[in-house]
Amino acid sequence: MHEIKFVYKSPSCSTLPDNIGETDNTSPLTALSDDTDIPAAQRSCPDFKDTVEYLDTGTLPDSDVAARKVILESDHG
């Protein structure tokens, strides 16, 4: 089993304290089970869906800022 921990504060987690994960190893994310469909989860995740779409189809987001971000991130994969 693999474990990936992402700790960050996003608009959807606005009630979390700024220092979450720094001392208590907590995370706003739920652990993935062994049968989790990772590709489907990436496609539905707001943090990854634009990059996955670009890598799959070459389609960039309409926003120039988002498109530049996707291109930059996809070059580091």
Protein backbone atom coordinates (compact mmCIF):
# COMPACT_ATOMS: atom_id res chain seq x y z
CA MET A 1 0.00 0.00 0.00
CA HIS A 2 1.24 3.50 -0.82
CA GLU A 3 0.69 6.59 1.24
CA ILE A 4 0.70 10.09 -0.16
CA LYS A 5 0.21 13.04 2.17
CA PHE A 6 -0.74 16.45 0.86
CA VAL A 7 -1.05 19.14 3.48
CA TYR A 8 -2.24 22.52 2.35
CA LYS A 9 -4.93 25.02 3.05
CA SER A 10 -7.36 25.58 0.22
CA PRO A 11 -10.66 27.47 -0.08
CA SER A 12 -12.51 24.21 0.48
CA CYS A 13 -10.63 23.73 3.75
CA SER A 14 -10.92 27.30 5.03
CA THR A 15 -11.73 26.19 8.57
CA LEU A 16 -8.40 24.44 9.01
CA PRO A 17 -5.68 26.13 11.06
CA ASP A 18 -2.73 27.55 9.10
CA ASN A 19 -0.23 25.25 10.82
CA ILE A 20 -2.05 21.95 10.20
CA GLY A 21 0.35 19.09 9.72
CA GLU A 22 3.37 20.96 11.07
CA THR A 23 3.42 19.32 14.49
CA ASP A 24 0.56 16.86 14.70
CA ASN A 25 0.92 15.02 11.35
CA THR A 26 -2.77 15.52 10.58
CA SER A 27 -4.11 16.05 7.12
CA PRO A 28 -7.46 17.21 5.70
CA LEU A 29 -7.34 14.26 3.30
CA THR A 30 -8.75 10.79 3.77
CA ALA A 31 -6.46 7.81 3.36
CA LEU A 32 -6.96 5.95 0.10
CA SER A 33 -7.96 2.32 0.21
CA ASP A 34 -6.17 -0.30 -1.88
CA ASP A 35 -9.07 -0.38 -4.35
CA THR A 36 -9.15 3.39 -4.98
CA ASP A 37 -9.26 4.28 -8.68
CA ILE A 38 -6.35 6.76 -8.71
CA PRO A 39 -6.81 7.88 -12.37
CA ALA A 40 -10.49 8.64 -11.72
CA ALA A 41 -9.62 10.49 -8.52
CA GLN A 42 -7.04 12.62 -10.36
CA ARG A 43 -9.54 13.47 -13.10
CA SER A 44 -12.08 14.68 -10.54
CA CYS A 45 -9.59 16.51 -8.28
CA PRO A 46 -9.64 20.29 -8.79
CA ASP A 47 -5.86 20.37 -8.24
CA PHE A 48 -5.05 17.85 -10.99
CA LYS A 49 -7.94 17.69 -13.45
CA ASP A 50 -6.66 20.44 -15.80
CA THR A 51 -3.20 18.88 -16.01
CA VAL A 52 -4.61 15.39 -16.58
CA GLU A 53 -6.93 16.75 -19.30
CA TYR A 54 -3.99 18.47 -21.00
CA LEU A 55 -1.83 15.35 -20.88
CA ASP A 56 -4.68 13.18 -22.20
CA THR A 57 -6.09 15.44 -24.93
CA GLY A 58 -3.86 18.50 -25.29
CA THR A 59 -6.74 20.74 -24.19
CA LEU A 60 -5.78 23.73 -22.06
CA PRO A 61 -8.01 25.68 -19.67
CA ASP A 62 -9.56 28.90 -21.03
CA SER A 63 -7.80 31.10 -18.47
CA ASP A 64 -4.32 32.20 -19.54
CA VAL A 65 -3.04 31.89 -15.98
CA ALA A 66 -4.44 28.37 -15.57
CA ALA A 67 -3.11 27.34 -19.01
CA ARG A 68 0.40 28.55 -18.16
CA LYS A 69 0.26 26.71 -14.84
CA VAL A 70 -0.79 23.48 -16.56
CA ILE A 71 2.00 23.72 -19.13
CA LEU A 72 4.59 24.46 -16.44
CA GLU A 73 3.41 21.58 -14.24
CA SER A 74 3.18 19.11 -17.11
CA ASP A 75 6.80 19.82 -18.09
CA HIS A 76 7.92 18.65 -14.63
CA GLY A 77 6.14 15.29 -14.67
